Amino acid sequence: MILHESPNPDFSIVRALDIMYAKPRNFADDLLLSKLSQLSESWRRSLASRATQNSRINDAERLTGQ
């Protein structure tokens, strides 16, 4: 398989996944990735929301349902 063209050469699938699941979060990367129209609406909303937060996300609460 040969990739002839990429609409977003700065964001490979691997880089997008790294940003989405980064620990700790990088709010600047979240904001950049949230601008890509090729992402699902839910990813864009999640990334944009994270980018505007001033504190770290506590994943423990989300993962344990507390």
PDB file of N, CA and C in Angstrom:
ATOM      1  N   MET A   1       0.839  -1.165   0.000  1.00  0.00           N
ATOM      2  CA  MET A   1       0.000   0.000   0.000  1.00  0.00           C
ATOM      3  C   MET A   1       0.888   1.233   0.000  1.00  0.00           C
ATOM      4  N   ILE A   2       0.545   2.199  -0.811  1.00  0.00           N
ATOM      5  CA  ILE A   2       1.298   3.448  -0.905  1.00  0.00           C
ATOM      6  C   ILE A   2       0.348   4.604  -0.608  1.00  0.00           C
ATOM      7  N   LEU A   3       0.749   5.445   0.312  1.00  0.00           N
ATOM      8  CA  LEU A   3      -0.022   6.640   0.636  1.00  0.00           C
ATOM      9  C   LEU A   3       0.450   7.761  -0.285  1.00  0.00           C
ATOM     10  N   HIS A   4      -0.433   8.208  -1.144  1.00  0.00           N
ATOM     11  CA  HIS A   4      -0.066   9.249  -2.105  1.00  0.00           C
ATOM     12  C   HIS A   4      -0.328  10.652  -1.581  1.00  0.00           C
ATOM     13  N   GLU A   5      -1.285  10.757  -0.692  1.00  0.00           N
ATOM     14  CA  GLU A   5      -1.665  12.082  -0.214  1.00  0.00           C
ATOM     15  C   GLU A   5      -2.266  11.952   1.179  1.00  0.00           C
ATOM     16  N   SER A   6      -2.008  12.937   2.008  1.00  0.00           N
ATOM     17  CA  SER A   6      -2.592  12.968   3.343  1.00  0.00           C
ATOM     18  C   SER A   6      -3.133  14.367   3.596  1.00  0.00           C
ATOM     19  N   PRO A   7      -4.403  14.465   4.007  1.00  0.00           N
ATOM     20  CA  PRO A   7      -4.965  15.798   4.262  1.00  0.00           C
ATOM     21  C   PRO A   7      -4.341  16.481   5.473  1.00  0.00           C
ATOM     22  N   ASN A   8      -3.746  15.688   6.372  1.00  0.00           N
ATOM     23  CA  ASN A   8      -3.123  16.228   7.579  1.00  0.00           C
ATOM     24  C   ASN A   8      -1.806  15.507   7.847  1.00  0.00           C
ATOM     25  N   PRO A   9      -0.775  15.835   7.099  1.00  0.00           N
ATOM     26  CA  PRO A   9       0.485  15.095   7.237  1.00  0.00           C
ATOM     27  C   PRO A   9       1.132  15.217   8.619  1.00  0.00           C
ATOM     28  N   ASP A  10       0.758  16.222   9.390  1.00  0.00           N
ATOM     29  CA  ASP A  10       1.328  16.388  10.735  1.00  0.00           C
ATOM     30  C   ASP A  10       0.684  15.463  11.768  1.00  0.00           C
ATOM     31  N   PHE A  11      -0.438  14.834  11.402  1.00  0.00           N
ATOM     32  CA  PHE A  11      -1.172  13.993  12.346  1.00  0.00           C
ATOM     33  C   PHE A  11      -1.413  12.611  11.762  1.00  0.00           C
ATOM     34  N   SER A  12      -0.508  11.689  12.074  1.00  0.00           N
ATOM     35  CA  SER A  12      -0.723  10.297  11.696  1.00  0.00           C
ATOM     36  C   SER A  12      -1.760   9.698  12.653  1.00  0.00           C
ATOM     37  N   ILE A  13      -2.254   8.531  12.338  1.00  0.00           N
ATOM     38  CA  ILE A  13      -3.183   7.852  13.240  1.00  0.00           C
ATOM     39  C   ILE A  13      -2.501   7.586  14.576  1.00  0.00           C
ATOM     40  N   VAL A  14      -1.252   7.185  14.525  1.00  0.00           N
ATOM     41  CA  VAL A  14      -0.507   6.916  15.760  1.00  0.00           C
ATOM     42  C   VAL A  14      -0.398   8.181  16.602  1.00  0.00           C
ATOM     43  N   ARG A  15      -0.066   9.301  15.981  1.00  0.00           N
ATOM     44  CA  ARG A  15       0.058  10.551  16.749  1.00  0.00           C
ATOM     45  C   ARG A  15      -1.288  10.967  17.327  1.00  0.00           C
ATOM     46  N   ALA A  16      -2.360  10.818  16.553  1.00  0.00           N
ATOM     47  CA  ALA A  16      -3.695  11.173  17.051  1.00  0.00           C
ATOM     48  C   ALA A  16      -4.054  10.314  18.272  1.00  0.00           C
ATOM     49  N   LEU A  17      -3.785   9.026  18.207  1.00  0.00           N
ATOM     50  CA  LEU A  17      -4.066   8.143  19.344  1.00  0.00           C
ATOM     51  C   LEU A  17      -3.190   8.491  20.542  1.00  0.00           C
ATOM     52  N   ASP A  18      -1.928   8.811  20.295  1.00  0.00           N
ATOM     53  CA  ASP A  18      -1.035   9.212  21.385  1.00  0.00           C
ATOM     54  C   ASP A  18      -1.564  10.449  22.097  1.00  0.00           C
ATOM     55  N   ILE A  19      -2.053  11.405  21.338  1.00  0.00           N
ATOM     56  CA  ILE A  19      -2.597  12.630  21.932  1.00  0.00           C
ATOM     57  C   ILE A  19      -3.886  12.327  22.692  1.00  0.00           C
ATOM     58  N   MET A  20      -4.766  11.546  22.080  1.00  0.00           N
ATOM     59  CA  MET A  20      -6.064  11.255  22.699  1.00  0.00           C
ATOM     60  C   MET A  20      -5.901  10.549  24.039  1.00  0.00           C
ATOM     61  N   TYR A  21      -4.927   9.656  24.130  1.00  0.00           N
ATOM     62  CA  TYR A  21      -4.774   8.851  25.339  1.00  0.00           C
ATOM     63  C   TYR A  21      -3.529   9.208  26.149  1.00  0.00           C
ATOM     64  N   ALA A  22      -2.981  10.400  25.935  1.00  0.00           N
ATOM     65  CA  ALA A  22      -1.752  10.830  26.621  1.00  0.00           C
ATOM     66  C   ALA A  22      -1.969  10.977  28.121  1.00  0.00           C
ATOM     67  N   LYS A  23      -0.973  10.567  28.860  1.00  0.00           N
ATOM     68  CA  LYS A  23      -0.931  10.753  30.306  1.00  0.00           C
ATOM     69  C   LYS A  23       0.441  11.322  30.636  1.00  0.00           C
ATOM     70  N   PRO A  24       0.605  12.478  31.178  1.00  0.00           N
ATOM     71  CA  PRO A  24      -0.444  13.466  31.409  1.00  0.00           C
ATOM     72  C   PRO A  24      -0.872  14.130  30.111  1.00  0.00           C
ATOM     73  N   ARG A  25      -1.976  14.816  30.178  1.00  0.00           N
ATOM     74  CA  ARG A  25      -2.526  15.492  28.999  1.00  0.00           C
ATOM     75  C   ARG A  25      -1.608  16.639  28.563  1.00  0.00           C
ATOM     76  N   ASN A  26      -1.607  16.890  27.262  1.00  0.00           N
ATOM     77  CA  ASN A  26      -0.934  18.058  26.713  1.00  0.00           C
ATOM     78  C   ASN A  26      -2.035  18.910  26.093  1.00  0.00           C
ATOM     79  N   PHE A  27      -2.410  19.971  26.786  1.00  0.00           N
ATOM     80  CA  PHE A  27      -3.565  20.752  26.372  1.00  0.00           C
ATOM     81  C   PHE A  27      -3.366  21.430  25.020  1.00  0.00           C
ATOM     82  N   ALA A  28      -2.139  21.796  24.677  1.00  0.00           N
ATOM     83  CA  ALA A  28      -1.868  22.407  23.369  1.00  0.00           C
ATOM     84  C   ALA A  28      -2.096  21.386  22.255  1.00  0.00           C
ATOM     85  N   ASP A  29      -1.634  20.150  22.449  1.00  0.00           N
ATOM     86  CA  ASP A  29      -1.881  19.102  21.455  1.00  0.00           C
ATOM     87  C   ASP A  29      -3.363  18.782  21.348  1.00  0.00           C
ATOM     88  N   ASP A  30      -4.062  18.758  22.486  1.00  0.00           N
ATOM     89  CA  ASP A  30      -5.513  18.520  22.467  1.00  0.00           C
ATOM     90  C   ASP A  30      -6.206  19.554  21.582  1.00  0.00           C
ATOM     91  N   LEU A  31      -5.819  20.806  21.742  1.00  0.00           N
ATOM     92  CA  LEU A  31      -6.439  21.873  20.959  1.00  0.00           C
ATOM     93  C   LEU A  31      -6.153  21.721  19.467  1.00  0.00           C
ATOM     94  N   LEU A  32      -4.907  21.446  19.128  1.00  0.00           N
ATOM     95  CA  LEU A  32      -4.552  21.262  17.716  1.00  0.00           C
ATOM     96  C   LEU A  32      -5.330  20.115  17.086  1.00  0.00           C
ATOM     97  N   LEU A  33      -5.381  18.993  17.763  1.00  0.00           N
ATOM     98  CA  LEU A  33      -6.076  17.827  17.216  1.00  0.00           C
ATOM     99  C   LEU A  33      -7.579  18.061  17.138  1.00  0.00           C
ATOM    100  N   SER A  34      -8.131  18.835  18.056  1.00  0.00           N
ATOM    101  CA  SER A  34      -9.573  19.096  18.060  1.00  0.00           C
ATOM    102  C   SER A  34     -10.029  19.870  16.828  1.00  0.00           C
ATOM    103  N   LYS A  35      -9.110  20.494  16.130  1.00  0.00           N
ATOM    104  CA  LYS A  35      -9.445  21.301  14.942  1.00  0.00           C
ATOM    105  C   LYS A  35      -9.576  20.466  13.662  1.00  0.00           C
ATOM    106  N   LEU A  36      -9.207  19.185  13.717  1.00  0.00           N
ATOM    107  CA  LEU A  36      -9.244  18.359  12.507  1.00  0.00           C
ATOM    108  C   LEU A  36     -10.666  17.911  12.183  1.00  0.00           C
ATOM    109  N   SER A  37     -11.165  18.338  11.056  1.00  0.00           N
ATOM    110  CA  SER A  37     -12.537  18.010  10.673  1.00  0.00           C
ATOM    111  C   SER A  37     -12.729  16.526  10.374  1.00  0.00           C
ATOM    112  N   GLN A  38     -11.655  15.812  10.119  1.00  0.00           N
ATOM    113  CA  GLN A  38     -11.759  14.386   9.808  1.00  0.00           C
ATOM    114  C   GLN A  38     -12.046  13.533  11.048  1.00  0.00           C
ATOM    115  N   LEU A  39     -11.858  14.084  12.228  1.00  0.00           N
ATOM    116  CA  LEU A  39     -12.147  13.342  13.453  1.00  0.00           C
ATOM    117  C   LEU A  39     -13.646  13.301  13.702  1.00  0.00           C
ATOM    118  N   SER A  40     -14.063  12.320  14.476  1.00  0.00           N
ATOM    119  CA  SER A  40     -15.482  12.249  14.845  1.00  0.00           C
ATOM    120  C   SER A  40     -15.838  13.461  15.704  1.00  0.00           C
ATOM    121  N   GLU A  41     -17.099  13.801  15.686  1.00  0.00           N
ATOM    122  CA  GLU A  41     -17.581  14.927  16.483  1.00  0.00           C
ATOM    123  C   GLU A  41     -17.296  14.695  17.968  1.00  0.00           C
ATOM    124  N   SER A  42     -17.457  13.468  18.432  1.00  0.00           N
ATOM    125  CA  SER A  42     -17.229  13.193  19.859  1.00  0.00           C
ATOM    126  C   SER A  42     -15.762  13.393  20.238  1.00  0.00           C
ATOM    127  N   TRP A  43     -14.844  12.983  19.388  1.00  0.00           N
ATOM    128  CA  TRP A  43     -13.421  13.215  19.659  1.00  0.00           C
ATOM    129  C   TRP A  43     -13.128  14.709  19.665  1.00  0.00           C
ATOM    130  N   ARG A  44     -13.650  15.439  18.693  1.00  0.00           N
ATOM    131  CA  ARG A  44     -13.384  16.884  18.634  1.00  0.00           C
ATOM    132  C   ARG A  44     -13.921  17.589  19.870  1.00  0.00           C
ATOM    133  N   ARG A  45     -15.131  17.223  20.300  1.00  0.00           N
ATOM    134  CA  ARG A  45     -15.709  17.829  21.502  1.00  0.00           C
ATOM    135  C   ARG A  45     -14.873  17.500  22.736  1.00  0.00           C
ATOM    136  N   SER A  46     -14.497  16.239  22.867  1.00  0.00           N
ATOM    137  CA  SER A  46     -13.703  15.810  24.019  1.00  0.00           C
ATOM    138  C   SER A  46     -12.365  16.527  24.068  1.00  0.00           C
ATOM    139  N   LEU A  47     -11.677  16.577  22.935  1.00  0.00           N
ATOM    140  CA  LEU A  47     -10.376  17.238  22.878  1.00  0.00           C
ATOM    141  C   LEU A  47     -10.489  18.737  23.145  1.00  0.00           C
ATOM    142  N   ALA A  48     -11.502  19.378  22.569  1.00  0.00           N
ATOM    143  CA  ALA A  48     -11.695  20.820  22.780  1.00  0.00           C
ATOM    144  C   ALA A  48     -11.999  21.105  24.243  1.00  0.00           C
ATOM    145  N   SER A  49     -12.800  20.256  24.862  1.00  0.00           N
ATOM    146  CA  SER A  49     -13.127  20.432  26.269  1.00  0.00           C
ATOM    147  C   SER A  49     -11.883  20.287  27.135  1.00  0.00           C
ATOM    148  N   ARG A  50     -11.102  19.261  26.863  1.00  0.00           N
ATOM    149  CA  ARG A  50      -9.863  19.058  27.618  1.00  0.00           C
ATOM    150  C   ARG A  50      -8.900  20.217  27.428  1.00  0.00           C
ATOM    151  N   ALA A  51      -8.843  20.756  26.231  1.00  0.00           N
ATOM    152  CA  ALA A  51      -7.900  21.837  25.927  1.00  0.00           C
ATOM    153  C   ALA A  51      -8.215  23.100  26.715  1.00  0.00           C
ATOM    154  N   THR A  52      -9.469  23.278  27.089  1.00  0.00           N
ATOM    155  CA  THR A  52      -9.846  24.501  27.798  1.00  0.00           C
ATOM    156  C   THR A  52      -9.817  24.347  29.313  1.00  0.00           C
ATOM    157  N   GLN A  53      -9.546  23.150  29.794  1.00  0.00           N
ATOM    158  CA  GLN A  53      -9.474  22.928  31.240  1.00  0.00           C
ATOM    159  C   GLN A  53      -8.145  23.450  31.780  1.00  0.00           C
ATOM    160  N   ASN A  54      -8.187  23.968  32.988  1.00  0.00           N
ATOM    161  CA  ASN A  54      -6.975  24.505  33.608  1.00  0.00           C
ATOM    162  C   ASN A  54      -6.305  23.529  34.552  1.00  0.00           C
ATOM    163  N   SER A  55      -6.890  22.373  34.745  1.00  0.00           N
ATOM    164  CA  SER A  55      -6.286  21.393  35.646  1.00  0.00           C
ATOM    165  C   SER A  55      -6.287  20.028  34.982  1.00  0.00           C
ATOM    166  N   ARG A  56      -5.501  19.123  35.525  1.00  0.00           N
ATOM    167  CA  ARG A  56      -5.427  17.775  34.985  1.00  0.00           C
ATOM    168  C   ARG A  56      -6.750  17.044  35.177  1.00  0.00           C
ATOM    169  N   ILE A  57      -7.050  16.175  34.258  1.00  0.00           N
ATOM    170  CA  ILE A  57      -8.227  15.332  34.357  1.00  0.00           C
ATOM    171  C   ILE A  57      -7.919  14.190  35.309  1.00  0.00           C
ATOM    172  N   ASN A  58      -8.860  13.910  36.197  1.00  0.00           N
ATOM    173  CA  ASN A  58      -8.677  12.799  37.110  1.00  0.00           C
ATOM    174  C   ASN A  58      -9.349  11.574  36.493  1.00  0.00           C
ATOM    175  N   ASP A  59      -8.572  10.773  35.768  1.00  0.00           N
ATOM    176  CA  ASP A  59      -9.121   9.603  35.101  1.00  0.00           C
ATOM    177  C   ASP A  59      -9.572   8.544  36.085  1.00  0.00           C
ATOM    178  N   ALA A  60      -9.018   8.523  37.277  1.00  0.00           N
ATOM    179  CA  ALA A  60      -9.405   7.519  38.261  1.00  0.00           C
ATOM    180  C   ALA A  60     -10.893   7.626  38.576  1.00  0.00           C
ATOM    181  N   GLU A  61     -11.388   8.836  38.734  1.00  0.00           N
ATOM    182  CA  GLU A  61     -12.819   9.029  39.019  1.00  0.00           C
ATOM    183  C   GLU A  61     -13.677   8.553  37.856  1.00  0.00           C
ATOM    184  N   ARG A  62     -13.275   8.869  36.648  1.00  0.00           N
ATOM    185  CA  ARG A  62     -14.036   8.466  35.469  1.00  0.00           C
ATOM    186  C   ARG A  62     -14.027   6.948  35.310  1.00  0.00           C
ATOM    187  N   LEU A  63     -12.892   6.329  35.545  1.00  0.00           N
ATOM    188  CA  LEU A  63     -12.765   4.900  35.319  1.00  0.00           C
ATOM    189  C   LEU A  63     -13.418   4.048  36.401  1.00  0.00           C
ATOM    190  N   THR A  64     -13.531   4.602  37.607  1.00  0.00           N
ATOM    191  CA  THR A  64     -14.154   3.843  38.696  1.00  0.00           C
ATOM    192  C   THR A  64     -15.609   4.225  38.896  1.00  0.00           C
ATOM    193  N   GLY A  65     -16.108   5.216  38.165  1.00  0.00           N
ATOM    194  CA  GLY A  65     -17.497   5.614  38.272  1.00  0.00           C
ATOM    195  C   GLY A  65     -17.811   6.450  39.494  1.00  0.00           C
ATOM    196  N   GLN A  66     -16.824   7.030  40.096  1.00  0.00           N
ATOM    197  CA  GLN A  66     -17.052   7.857  41.298  1.00  0.00           C
ATOM    198  C   GLN A  66     -17.355   9.278  40.924  1.00  0.00           C
TER     199      GLN A  66
END
